[in-house]
Amino acid sequence: MLILTPLEVNCMRGFSKTQVIGFFLTGAAVGTAVALLYAPKSGVETRKQIRRFSKKAVHQLDDLQNDLREQISDGYQQVMEVFGDAKEYVQEGRNKLQKMIRTA
């Protein structure tokens, strides 16, 4: 069971979710590589497994990177829509205020 001290918890708060996922994947990759190296298989079979694992890991990281890019792009578009709406709202308010000043 993993028990973190308050100091360790505070240290983890400085990392983003992406960094934590990266640390997790790196740890999994290192653990898998070590397990494969100590497995009772021939060198040829072990190297094949390492190649398969590394290709799979690269594909998973590419997928993660693409997902993050899509999320960032979607977030950017949403922010730009909000700014556009706010700009229109301010412009309408400005026009109404100018109209009220002219008629006063």
PDB file of N, CA and C in Angstrom:
ATOM      1  N   MET A   1       0.845  -1.177   0.000  1.00  0.00           N
ATOM      2  CA  MET A   1       0.000   0.000   0.000  1.00  0.00           C
ATOM      3  C   MET A   1       0.888   1.237   0.000  1.00  0.00           C
ATOM      4  N   LEU A   2       0.538   2.218  -0.831  1.00  0.00           N
ATOM      5  CA  LEU A   2       1.304   3.450  -0.957  1.00  0.00           C
ATOM      6  C   LEU A   2       0.746   4.500  -0.002  1.00  0.00           C
ATOM      7  N   ILE A   3       1.607   4.978   0.883  1.00  0.00           N
ATOM      8  CA  ILE A   3       1.209   6.024   1.823  1.00  0.00           C
ATOM      9  C   ILE A   3       2.126   7.216   1.603  1.00  0.00           C
ATOM     10  N   LEU A   4       1.532   8.358   1.293  1.00  0.00           N
ATOM     11  CA  LEU A   4       2.311   9.568   1.049  1.00  0.00           C
ATOM     12  C   LEU A   4       2.291  10.455   2.278  1.00  0.00           C
ATOM     13  N   THR A   5       3.450  11.018   2.591  1.00  0.00           N
ATOM     14  CA  THR A   5       3.530  11.980   3.686  1.00  0.00           C
ATOM     15  C   THR A   5       3.011  13.313   3.179  1.00  0.00           C
ATOM     16  N   PRO A   6       2.653  14.239   4.091  1.00  0.00           N
ATOM     17  CA  PRO A   6       2.181  15.560   3.637  1.00  0.00           C
ATOM     18  C   PRO A   6       3.195  16.261   2.732  1.00  0.00           C
ATOM     19  N   LEU A   7       4.491  16.086   2.988  1.00  0.00           N
ATOM     20  CA  LEU A   7       5.522  16.702   2.155  1.00  0.00           C
ATOM     21  C   LEU A   7       5.477  16.139   0.740  1.00  0.00           C
ATOM     22  N   GLU A   8       5.291  14.805   0.621  1.00  0.00           N
ATOM     23  CA  GLU A   8       5.220  14.181  -0.702  1.00  0.00           C
ATOM     24  C   GLU A   8       3.967  14.615  -1.450  1.00  0.00           C
ATOM     25  N   VAL A   9       2.869  14.768  -0.747  1.00  0.00           N
ATOM     26  CA  VAL A   9       1.632  15.217  -1.386  1.00  0.00           C
ATOM     27  C   VAL A   9       1.817  16.620  -1.930  1.00  0.00           C
ATOM     28  N   ASN A  10       2.447  17.511  -1.162  1.00  0.00           N
ATOM     29  CA  ASN A  10       2.694  18.873  -1.630  1.00  0.00           C
ATOM     30  C   ASN A  10       3.610  18.883  -2.840  1.00  0.00           C
ATOM     31  N   CYS A  11       4.574  17.991  -2.893  1.00  0.00           N
ATOM     32  CA  CYS A  11       5.466  17.914  -4.050  1.00  0.00           C
ATOM     33  C   CYS A  11       4.694  17.481  -5.296  1.00  0.00           C
ATOM     34  N   MET A  12       3.746  16.558  -5.145  1.00  0.00           N
ATOM     35  CA  MET A  12       2.967  16.073  -6.287  1.00  0.00           C
ATOM     36  C   MET A  12       2.029  17.141  -6.822  1.00  0.00           C
ATOM     37  N   ARG A  13       1.624  18.086  -6.001  1.00  0.00           N
ATOM     38  CA  ARG A  13       0.696  19.115  -6.462  1.00  0.00           C
ATOM     39  C   ARG A  13       1.324  20.019  -7.512  1.00  0.00           C
ATOM     40  N   GLY A  14       2.639  20.030  -7.612  1.00  0.00           N
ATOM     41  CA  GLY A  14       3.312  20.873  -8.589  1.00  0.00           C
ATOM     42  C   GLY A  14       3.302  20.299  -9.992  1.00  0.00           C
ATOM     43  N   PHE A  15       2.820  19.070 -10.158  1.00  0.00           N
ATOM     44  CA  PHE A  15       2.835  18.427 -11.464  1.00  0.00           C
ATOM     45  C   PHE A  15       1.451  18.473 -12.087  1.00  0.00           C
ATOM     46  N   SER A  16       1.425  18.659 -13.416  1.00  0.00           N
ATOM     47  CA  SER A  16       0.152  18.639 -14.132  1.00  0.00           C
ATOM     48  C   SER A  16      -0.281  17.189 -14.334  1.00  0.00           C
ATOM     49  N   LYS A  17      -1.528  17.006 -14.749  1.00  0.00           N
ATOM     50  CA  LYS A  17      -2.043  15.659 -15.007  1.00  0.00           C
ATOM     51  C   LYS A  17      -1.231  14.987 -16.109  1.00  0.00           C
ATOM     52  N   THR A  18      -0.854  15.766 -17.103  1.00  0.00           N
ATOM     53  CA  THR A  18      -0.079  15.221 -18.218  1.00  0.00           C
ATOM     54  C   THR A  18       1.267  14.709 -17.727  1.00  0.00           C
ATOM     55  N   GLN A  19       1.918  15.472 -16.833  1.00  0.00           N
ATOM     56  CA  GLN A  19       3.208  15.037 -16.303  1.00  0.00           C
ATOM     57  C   GLN A  19       3.055  13.771 -15.471  1.00  0.00           C
ATOM     58  N   VAL A  20       2.010  13.694 -14.663  1.00  0.00           N
ATOM     59  CA  VAL A  20       1.790  12.509 -13.842  1.00  0.00           C
ATOM     60  C   VAL A  20       1.556  11.294 -14.734  1.00  0.00           C
ATOM     61  N   ILE A  21       0.766  11.471 -15.803  1.00  0.00           N
ATOM     62  CA  ILE A  21       0.542  10.372 -16.745  1.00  0.00           C
ATOM     63  C   ILE A  21       1.861   9.964 -17.394  1.00  0.00           C
ATOM     64  N   GLY A  22       2.673  10.952 -17.758  1.00  0.00           N
ATOM     65  CA  GLY A  22       3.983  10.665 -18.346  1.00  0.00           C
ATOM     66  C   GLY A  22       4.868   9.890 -17.390  1.00  0.00           C
ATOM     67  N   PHE A  23       4.879  10.284 -16.102  1.00  0.00           N
ATOM     68  CA  PHE A  23       5.664   9.560 -15.102  1.00  0.00           C
ATOM     69  C   PHE A  23       5.169   8.121 -14.974  1.00  0.00           C
ATOM     70  N   PHE A  24       3.853   7.970 -14.955  1.00  0.00           N
ATOM     71  CA  PHE A  24       3.267   6.631 -14.827  1.00  0.00           C
ATOM     72  C   PHE A  24       3.667   5.758 -16.014  1.00  0.00           C
ATOM     73  N   LEU A  25       3.531   6.291 -17.224  1.00  0.00           N
ATOM     74  CA  LEU A  25       3.871   5.512 -18.419  1.00  0.00           C
ATOM     75  C   LEU A  25       5.355   5.179 -18.457  1.00  0.00           C
ATOM     76  N   THR A  26       6.189   6.126 -18.039  1.00  0.00           N
ATOM     77  CA  THR A  26       7.632   5.884 -18.008  1.00  0.00           C
ATOM     78  C   THR A  26       7.947   4.774 -17.008  1.00  0.00           C
ATOM     79  N   GLY A  27       7.328   4.830 -15.832  1.00  0.00           N
ATOM     80  CA  GLY A  27       7.542   3.778 -14.839  1.00  0.00           C
ATOM     81  C   GLY A  27       7.082   2.422 -15.335  1.00  0.00           C
ATOM     82  N   ALA A  28       5.940   2.410 -16.012  1.00  0.00           N
ATOM     83  CA  ALA A  28       5.434   1.155 -16.565  1.00  0.00           C
ATOM     84  C   ALA A  28       6.389   0.610 -17.620  1.00  0.00           C
ATOM     85  N   ALA A  29       6.924   1.494 -18.448  1.00  0.00           N
ATOM     86  CA  ALA A  29       7.850   1.059 -19.496  1.00  0.00           C
ATOM     87  C   ALA A  29       9.135   0.495 -18.893  1.00  0.00           C
ATOM     88  N   VAL A  30       9.671   1.184 -17.904  1.00  0.00           N
ATOM     89  CA  VAL A  30      10.901   0.712 -17.260  1.00  0.00           C
ATOM     90  C   VAL A  30      10.640  -0.627 -16.568  1.00  0.00           C
ATOM     91  N   GLY A  31       9.518  -0.729 -15.852  1.00  0.00           N
ATOM     92  CA  GLY A  31       9.196  -1.986 -15.179  1.00  0.00           C
ATOM     93  C   GLY A  31       9.032  -3.136 -16.148  1.00  0.00           C
ATOM     94  N   THR A  32       8.388  -2.874 -17.263  1.00  0.00           N
ATOM     95  CA  THR A  32       8.200  -3.911 -18.270  1.00  0.00           C
ATOM     96  C   THR A  32       9.529  -4.326 -18.882  1.00  0.00           C
ATOM     97  N   ALA A  33      10.371  -3.341 -19.174  1.00  0.00           N
ATOM     98  CA  ALA A  33      11.682  -3.653 -19.765  1.00  0.00           C
ATOM     99  C   ALA A  33      12.514  -4.500 -18.814  1.00  0.00           C
ATOM    100  N   VAL A  34      12.505  -4.145 -17.539  1.00  0.00           N
ATOM    101  CA  VAL A  34      13.268  -4.921 -16.552  1.00  0.00           C
ATOM    102  C   VAL A  34      12.707  -6.336 -16.448  1.00  0.00           C
ATOM    103  N   ALA A  35      11.379  -6.463 -16.425  1.00  0.00           N
ATOM    104  CA  ALA A  35      10.753  -7.786 -16.343  1.00  0.00           C
ATOM    105  C   ALA A  35      11.108  -8.630 -17.563  1.00  0.00           C
ATOM    106  N   LEU A  36      11.114  -8.012 -18.718  1.00  0.00           N
ATOM    107  CA  LEU A  36      11.455  -8.754 -19.930  1.00  0.00           C
ATOM    108  C   LEU A  36      12.909  -9.198 -19.926  1.00  0.00           C
ATOM    109  N   LEU A  37      13.792  -8.340 -19.414  1.00  0.00           N
ATOM    110  CA  LEU A  37      15.212  -8.690 -19.394  1.00  0.00           C
ATOM    111  C   LEU A  37      15.495  -9.841 -18.433  1.00  0.00           C
ATOM    112  N   TYR A  38      14.727  -9.952 -17.376  1.00  0.00           N
ATOM    113  CA  TYR A  38      14.942 -11.016 -16.406  1.00  0.00           C
ATOM    114  C   TYR A  38      14.057 -12.239 -16.655  1.00  0.00           C
ATOM    115  N   ALA A  39      13.259 -12.198 -17.682  1.00  0.00           N
ATOM    116  CA  ALA A  39      12.380 -13.327 -18.004  1.00  0.00           C
ATOM    117  C   ALA A  39      13.216 -14.482 -18.559  1.00  0.00           C
ATOM    118  N   PRO A  40      12.824 -15.711 -18.276  1.00  0.00           N
ATOM    119  CA  PRO A  40      13.600 -16.874 -18.761  1.00  0.00           C
ATOM    120  C   PRO A  40      13.267 -17.211 -20.217  1.00  0.00           C
ATOM    121  N   LYS A  41      13.608 -16.303 -21.119  1.00  0.00           N
ATOM    122  CA  LYS A  41      13.389 -16.523 -22.546  1.00  0.00           C
ATOM    123  C   LYS A  41      14.698 -16.292 -23.273  1.00  0.00           C
ATOM    124  N   SER A  42      14.722 -16.697 -24.513  1.00  0.00           N
ATOM    125  CA  SER A  42      15.933 -16.492 -25.305  1.00  0.00           C
ATOM    126  C   SER A  42      16.109 -15.000 -25.604  1.00  0.00           C
ATOM    127  N   GLY A  43      17.307 -14.622 -25.912  1.00  0.00           N
ATOM    128  CA  GLY A  43      17.600 -13.224 -26.226  1.00  0.00           C
ATOM    129  C   GLY A  43      16.818 -12.734 -27.425  1.00  0.00           C
ATOM    130  N   VAL A  44      16.675 -13.592 -28.432  1.00  0.00           N
ATOM    131  CA  VAL A  44      15.938 -13.218 -29.637  1.00  0.00           C
ATOM    132  C   VAL A  44      14.487 -12.923 -29.295  1.00  0.00           C
ATOM    133  N   GLU A  45      13.864 -13.814 -28.511  1.00  0.00           N
ATOM    134  CA  GLU A  45      12.464 -13.620 -28.137  1.00  0.00           C
ATOM    135  C   GLU A  45      12.300 -12.381 -27.262  1.00  0.00           C
ATOM    136  N   THR A  46      13.228 -12.173 -26.350  1.00  0.00           N
ATOM    137  CA  THR A  46      13.158 -11.003 -25.472  1.00  0.00           C
ATOM    138  C   THR A  46      13.275  -9.718 -26.285  1.00  0.00           C
ATOM    139  N   ARG A  47      14.188  -9.679 -27.224  1.00  0.00           N
ATOM    140  CA  ARG A  47      14.345  -8.483 -28.064  1.00  0.00           C
ATOM    141  C   ARG A  47      13.096  -8.236 -28.904  1.00  0.00           C
ATOM    142  N   LYS A  48      12.475  -9.299 -29.408  1.00  0.00           N
ATOM    143  CA  LYS A  48      11.220  -9.145 -30.148  1.00  0.00           C
ATOM    144  C   LYS A  48      10.138  -8.546 -29.266  1.00  0.00           C
ATOM    145  N   GLN A  49      10.052  -9.038 -28.040  1.00  0.00           N
ATOM    146  CA  GLN A  49       9.054  -8.506 -27.111  1.00  0.00           C
ATOM    147  C   GLN A  49       9.321  -7.035 -26.793  1.00  0.00           C
ATOM    148  N   ILE A  50      10.577  -6.692 -26.609  1.00  0.00           N
ATOM    149  CA  ILE A  50      10.924  -5.288 -26.332  1.00  0.00           C
ATOM    150  C   ILE A  50      10.537  -4.410 -27.512  1.00  0.00           C
ATOM    151  N   ARG A  51      10.824  -4.879 -28.739  1.00  0.00           N
ATOM    152  CA  ARG A  51      10.452  -4.106 -29.932  1.00  0.00           C
ATOM    153  C   ARG A  51       8.943  -3.931 -30.014  1.00  0.00           C
ATOM    154  N   ARG A  52       8.188  -5.021 -29.786  1.00  0.00           N
ATOM    155  CA  ARG A  52       6.725  -4.929 -29.825  1.00  0.00           C
ATOM    156  C   ARG A  52       6.203  -3.960 -28.772  1.00  0.00           C
ATOM    157  N   PHE A  53       6.759  -4.092 -27.575  1.00  0.00           N
ATOM    158  CA  PHE A  53       6.323  -3.209 -26.494  1.00  0.00           C
ATOM    159  C   PHE A  53       6.639  -1.754 -26.815  1.00  0.00           C
ATOM    160  N   SER A  54       7.838  -1.483 -27.327  1.00  0.00           N
ATOM    161  CA  SER A  54       8.212  -0.098 -27.614  1.00  0.00           C
ATOM    162  C   SER A  54       7.351   0.488 -28.734  1.00  0.00           C
ATOM    163  N   LYS A  55       7.028  -0.323 -29.742  1.00  0.00           N
ATOM    164  CA  LYS A  55       6.142   0.160 -30.809  1.00  0.00           C
ATOM    165  C   LYS A  55       4.760   0.474 -30.259  1.00  0.00           C
ATOM    166  N   LYS A  56       4.256  -0.410 -29.404  1.00  0.00           N
ATOM    167  CA  LYS A  56       2.946  -0.190 -28.795  1.00  0.00           C
ATOM    168  C   LYS A  56       2.967   1.075 -27.934  1.00  0.00           C
ATOM    169  N   ALA A  57       4.025   1.254 -27.158  1.00  0.00           N
ATOM    170  CA  ALA A  57       4.135   2.441 -26.303  1.00  0.00           C
ATOM    171  C   ALA A  57       4.193   3.712 -27.140  1.00  0.00           C
ATOM    172  N   VAL A  58       4.926   3.679 -28.234  1.00  0.00           N
ATOM    173  CA  VAL A  58       5.015   4.850 -29.112  1.00  0.00           C
ATOM    174  C   VAL A  58       3.642   5.181 -29.687  1.00  0.00           C
ATOM    175  N   HIS A  59       2.902   4.164 -30.114  1.00  0.00           N
ATOM    176  CA  HIS A  59       1.551   4.394 -30.655  1.00  0.00           C
ATOM    177  C   HIS A  59       0.630   4.979 -29.587  1.00  0.00           C
ATOM    178  N   GLN A  60       0.728   4.459 -28.353  1.00  0.00           N
ATOM    179  CA  GLN A  60      -0.105   4.976 -27.280  1.00  0.00           C
ATOM    180  C   GLN A  60       0.254   6.424 -26.958  1.00  0.00           C
ATOM    181  N   LEU A  61       1.541   6.740 -26.960  1.00  0.00           N
ATOM    182  CA  LEU A  61       1.956   8.123 -26.711  1.00  0.00           C
ATOM    183  C   LEU A  61       1.504   9.042 -27.839  1.00  0.00           C
ATOM    184  N   ASP A  62       1.554   8.556 -29.074  1.00  0.00           N
ATOM    185  CA  ASP A  62       1.053   9.349 -30.199  1.00  0.00           C
ATOM    186  C   ASP A  62      -0.443   9.620 -30.048  1.00  0.00           C
ATOM    187  N   ASP A  63      -1.189   8.588 -29.640  1.00  0.00           N
ATOM    188  CA  ASP A  63      -2.626   8.765 -29.422  1.00  0.00           C
ATOM    189  C   ASP A  63      -2.887   9.781 -28.312  1.00  0.00           C
ATOM    190  N   LEU A  64      -2.123   9.675 -27.223  1.00  0.00           N
ATOM    191  CA  LEU A  64      -2.271  10.613 -26.110  1.00  0.00           C
ATOM    192  C   LEU A  64      -1.969  12.037 -26.571  1.00  0.00           C
ATOM    193  N   GLN A  65      -0.898  12.185 -27.352  1.00  0.00           N
ATOM    194  CA  GLN A  65      -0.520  13.500 -27.860  1.00  0.00           C
ATOM    195  C   GLN A  65      -1.619  14.063 -28.766  1.00  0.00           C
ATOM    196  N   ASN A  66      -2.178  13.239 -29.633  1.00  0.00           N
ATOM    197  CA  ASN A  66      -3.257  13.692 -30.517  1.00  0.00           C
ATOM    198  C   ASN A  66      -4.493  14.088 -29.719  1.00  0.00           C
ATOM    199  N   ASP A  67      -4.823  13.288 -28.698  1.00  0.00           N
ATOM    200  CA  ASP A  67      -5.972  13.622 -27.847  1.00  0.00           C
ATOM    201  C   ASP A  67      -5.761  14.958 -27.144  1.00  0.00           C
ATOM    202  N   LEU A  68      -4.549  15.176 -26.633  1.00  0.00           N
ATOM    203  CA  LEU A  68      -4.262  16.446 -25.963  1.00  0.00           C
ATOM    204  C   LEU A  68      -4.357  17.617 -26.938  1.00  0.00           C
ATOM    205  N   ARG A  69      -3.855  17.424 -28.139  1.00  0.00           N
ATOM    206  CA  ARG A  69      -3.944  18.489 -29.145  1.00  0.00           C
ATOM    207  C   ARG A  69      -5.402  18.830 -29.460  1.00  0.00           C
ATOM    208  N   GLU A  70      -6.227  17.799 -29.588  1.00  0.00           N
ATOM    209  CA  GLU A  70      -7.645  18.026 -29.872  1.00  0.00           C
ATOM    210  C   GLU A  70      -8.316  18.768 -28.717  1.00  0.00           C
ATOM    211  N   GLN A  71      -8.010  18.363 -27.494  1.00  0.00           N
ATOM    212  CA  GLN A  71      -8.608  19.015 -26.329  1.00  0.00           C
ATOM    213  C   GLN A  71      -8.172  20.473 -26.247  1.00  0.00           C
ATOM    214  N   ILE A  72      -6.909  20.742 -26.514  1.00  0.00           N
ATOM    215  CA  ILE A  72      -6.411  22.117 -26.476  1.00  0.00           C
ATOM    216  C   ILE A  72      -7.068  22.933 -27.579  1.00  0.00           C
ATOM    217  N   SER A  73      -7.185  22.353 -28.758  1.00  0.00           N
ATOM    218  CA  SER A  73      -7.818  23.053 -29.874  1.00  0.00           C
ATOM    219  C   SER A  73      -9.279  23.356 -29.571  1.00  0.00           C
ATOM    220  N   ASP A  74      -9.985  22.368 -29.021  1.00  0.00           N
ATOM    221  CA  ASP A  74     -11.390  22.585 -28.661  1.00  0.00           C
ATOM    222  C   ASP A  74     -11.511  23.672 -27.593  1.00  0.00           C
ATOM    223  N   GLY A  75     -10.649  23.620 -26.600  1.00  0.00           N
ATOM    224  CA  GLY A  75     -10.666  24.636 -25.545  1.00  0.00           C
ATOM    225  C   GLY A  75     -10.386  26.018 -26.096  1.00  0.00           C
ATOM    226  N   TYR A  76      -9.438  26.109 -27.022  1.00  0.00           N
ATOM    227  CA  TYR A  76      -9.103  27.392 -27.635  1.00  0.00           C
ATOM    228  C   TYR A  76     -10.314  27.939 -28.395  1.00  0.00           C
ATOM    229  N   GLN A  77     -10.983  27.072 -29.146  1.00  0.00           N
ATOM    230  CA  GLN A  77     -12.156  27.511 -29.900  1.00  0.00           C
ATOM    231  C   GLN A  77     -13.267  27.984 -28.977  1.00  0.00           C
ATOM    232  N   GLN A  78     -13.453  27.293 -27.859  1.00  0.00           N
ATOM    233  CA  GLN A  78     -14.484  27.702 -26.905  1.00  0.00           C
ATOM    234  C   GLN A  78     -14.143  29.061 -26.299  1.00  0.00           C
ATOM    235  N   VAL A  79     -12.890  29.268 -25.964  1.00  0.00           N
ATOM    236  CA  VAL A  79     -12.469  30.557 -25.397  1.00  0.00           C
ATOM    237  C   VAL A  79     -12.674  31.667 -26.420  1.00  0.00           C
ATOM    238  N   MET A  80     -12.336  31.412 -27.670  1.00  0.00           N
ATOM    239  CA  MET A  80     -12.498  32.425 -28.701  1.00  0.00           C
ATOM    240  C   MET A  80     -13.978  32.743 -28.921  1.00  0.00           C
ATOM    241  N   GLU A  81     -14.849  31.753 -28.822  1.00  0.00           N
ATOM    242  CA  GLU A  81     -16.287  31.998 -28.946  1.00  0.00           C
ATOM    243  C   GLU A  81     -16.780  32.884 -27.799  1.00  0.00           C
ATOM    244  N   VAL A  82     -16.306  32.599 -26.585  1.00  0.00           N
ATOM    245  CA  VAL A  82     -16.701  33.412 -25.429  1.00  0.00           C
ATOM    246  C   VAL A  82     -16.234  34.841 -25.616  1.00  0.00           C
ATOM    247  N   PHE A  83     -14.985  35.024 -26.062  1.00  0.00           N
ATOM    248  CA  PHE A  83     -14.476  36.372 -26.300  1.00  0.00           C
ATOM    249  C   PHE A  83     -15.283  37.075 -27.390  1.00  0.00           C
ATOM    250  N   GLY A  84     -15.639  36.340 -28.433  1.00  0.00           N
ATOM    251  CA  GLY A  84     -16.447  36.925 -29.502  1.00  0.00           C
ATOM    252  C   GLY A  84     -17.808  37.364 -28.990  1.00  0.00           C
ATOM    253  N   ASP A  85     -18.427  36.517 -28.178  1.00  0.00           N
ATOM    254  CA  ASP A  85     -19.723  36.874 -27.598  1.00  0.00           C
ATOM    255  C   ASP A  85     -19.591  38.093 -26.686  1.00  0.00           C
ATOM    256  N   ALA A  86     -18.543  38.122 -25.884  1.00  0.00           N
ATOM    257  CA  ALA A  86     -18.334  39.253 -24.983  1.00  0.00           C
ATOM    258  C   ALA A  86     -18.097  40.533 -25.783  1.00  0.00           C
ATOM    259  N   LYS A  87     -17.358  40.425 -26.871  1.00  0.00           N
ATOM    260  CA  LYS A  87     -17.084  41.589 -27.718  1.00  0.00           C
ATOM    261  C   LYS A  87     -18.393  42.131 -28.303  1.00  0.00           C
ATOM    262  N   GLU A  88     -19.251  41.223 -28.784  1.00  0.00           N
ATOM    263  CA  GLU A  88     -20.545  41.652 -29.331  1.00  0.00           C
ATOM    264  C   GLU A  88     -21.396  42.308 -28.245  1.00  0.00           C
ATOM    265  N   TYR A  89     -21.417  41.733 -27.061  1.00  0.00           N
ATOM    266  CA  TYR A  89     -22.199  42.271 -25.953  1.00  0.00           C
ATOM    267  C   TYR A  89     -21.728  43.674 -25.586  1.00  0.00           C
ATOM    268  N   VAL A  90     -20.420  43.848 -25.516  1.00  0.00           N
ATOM    269  CA  VAL A  90     -19.872  45.168 -25.188  1.00  0.00           C
ATOM    270  C   VAL A  90     -20.191  46.164 -26.295  1.00  0.00           C
ATOM    271  N   GLN A  91     -20.072  45.742 -27.537  1.00  0.00           N
ATOM    272  CA  GLN A  91     -20.368  46.622 -28.662  1.00  0.00           C
ATOM    273  C   GLN A  91     -21.832  47.054 -28.649  1.00  0.00           C
ATOM    274  N   GLU A  92     -22.739  46.096 -28.378  1.00  0.00           N
ATOM    275  CA  GLU A  92     -24.164  46.433 -28.305  1.00  0.00           C
ATOM    276  C   GLU A  92     -24.426  47.428 -27.171  1.00  0.00           C
ATOM    277  N   GLY A  93     -23.801  47.198 -26.026  1.00  0.00           N
ATOM    278  CA  GLY A  93     -23.953  48.114 -24.896  1.00  0.00           C
ATOM    279  C   GLY A  93     -23.425  49.495 -25.224  1.00  0.00           C
ATOM    280  N   ARG A  94     -22.319  49.537 -25.914  1.00  0.00           N
ATOM    281  CA  ARG A  94     -21.720  50.817 -26.321  1.00  0.00           C
ATOM    282  C   ARG A  94     -22.665  51.561 -27.271  1.00  0.00           C
ATOM    283  N   ASN A  95     -23.212  50.827 -28.233  1.00  0.00           N
ATOM    284  CA  ASN A  95     -24.143  51.443 -29.190  1.00  0.00           C
ATOM    285  C   ASN A  95     -25.389  51.983 -28.486  1.00  0.00           C
ATOM    286  N   LYS A  96     -25.945  51.197 -27.551  1.00  0.00           N
ATOM    287  CA  LYS A  96     -27.114  51.648 -26.799  1.00  0.00           C
ATOM    288  C   LYS A  96     -26.795  52.893 -25.972  1.00  0.00           C
ATOM    289  N   LEU A  97     -25.626  52.891 -25.346  1.00  0.00           N
ATOM    290  CA  LEU A  97     -25.222  54.040 -24.536  1.00  0.00           C
ATOM    291  C   LEU A  97     -25.058  55.283 -25.402  1.00  0.00           C
ATOM    292  N   GLN A  98     -24.431  55.134 -26.577  1.00  0.00           N
ATOM    293  CA  GLN A  98     -24.273  56.275 -27.480  1.00  0.00           C
ATOM    294  C   GLN A  98     -25.633  56.787 -27.942  1.00  0.00           C
ATOM    295  N   LYS A  99     -26.550  55.871 -28.228  1.00  0.00           N
ATOM    296  CA  LYS A  99     -27.897  56.263 -28.652  1.00  0.00           C
ATOM    297  C   LYS A  99     -28.604  57.018 -27.536  1.00  0.00           C
ATOM    298  N   MET A 100     -28.467  56.544 -26.283  1.00  0.00           N
ATOM    299  CA  MET A 100     -29.074  57.228 -25.140  1.00  0.00           C
ATOM    300  C   MET A 100     -28.472  58.616 -24.942  1.00  0.00           C
ATOM    301  N   ILE A 101     -27.179  58.752 -25.160  1.00  0.00           N
ATOM    302  CA  ILE A 101     -26.520  60.065 -24.990  1.00  0.00           C
ATOM    303  C   ILE A 101     -27.020  61.013 -26.058  1.00  0.00           C
ATOM    304  N   ARG A 102     -27.171  60.546 -27.296  1.00  0.00           N
ATOM    305  CA  ARG A 102     -27.641  61.413 -28.393  1.00  0.00           C
ATOM    306  C   ARG A 102     -29.076  61.895 -28.175  1.00  0.00           C
ATOM    307  N   THR A 103     -29.905  61.013 -27.626  1.00  0.00           N
ATOM    308  CA  THR A 103     -31.315  61.372 -27.435  1.00  0.00           C
ATOM    309  C   THR A 103     -31.545  62.197 -26.150  1.00  0.00           C
ATOM    310  N   ALA A 104     -30.557  62.230 -25.278  1.00  0.00           N
ATOM    311  CA  ALA A 104     -30.732  62.942 -24.008  1.00  0.00           C
ATOM    312  C   ALA A 104     -30.525  64.433 -24.167  1.00  0.00           C
TER     313      ALA A 104
END
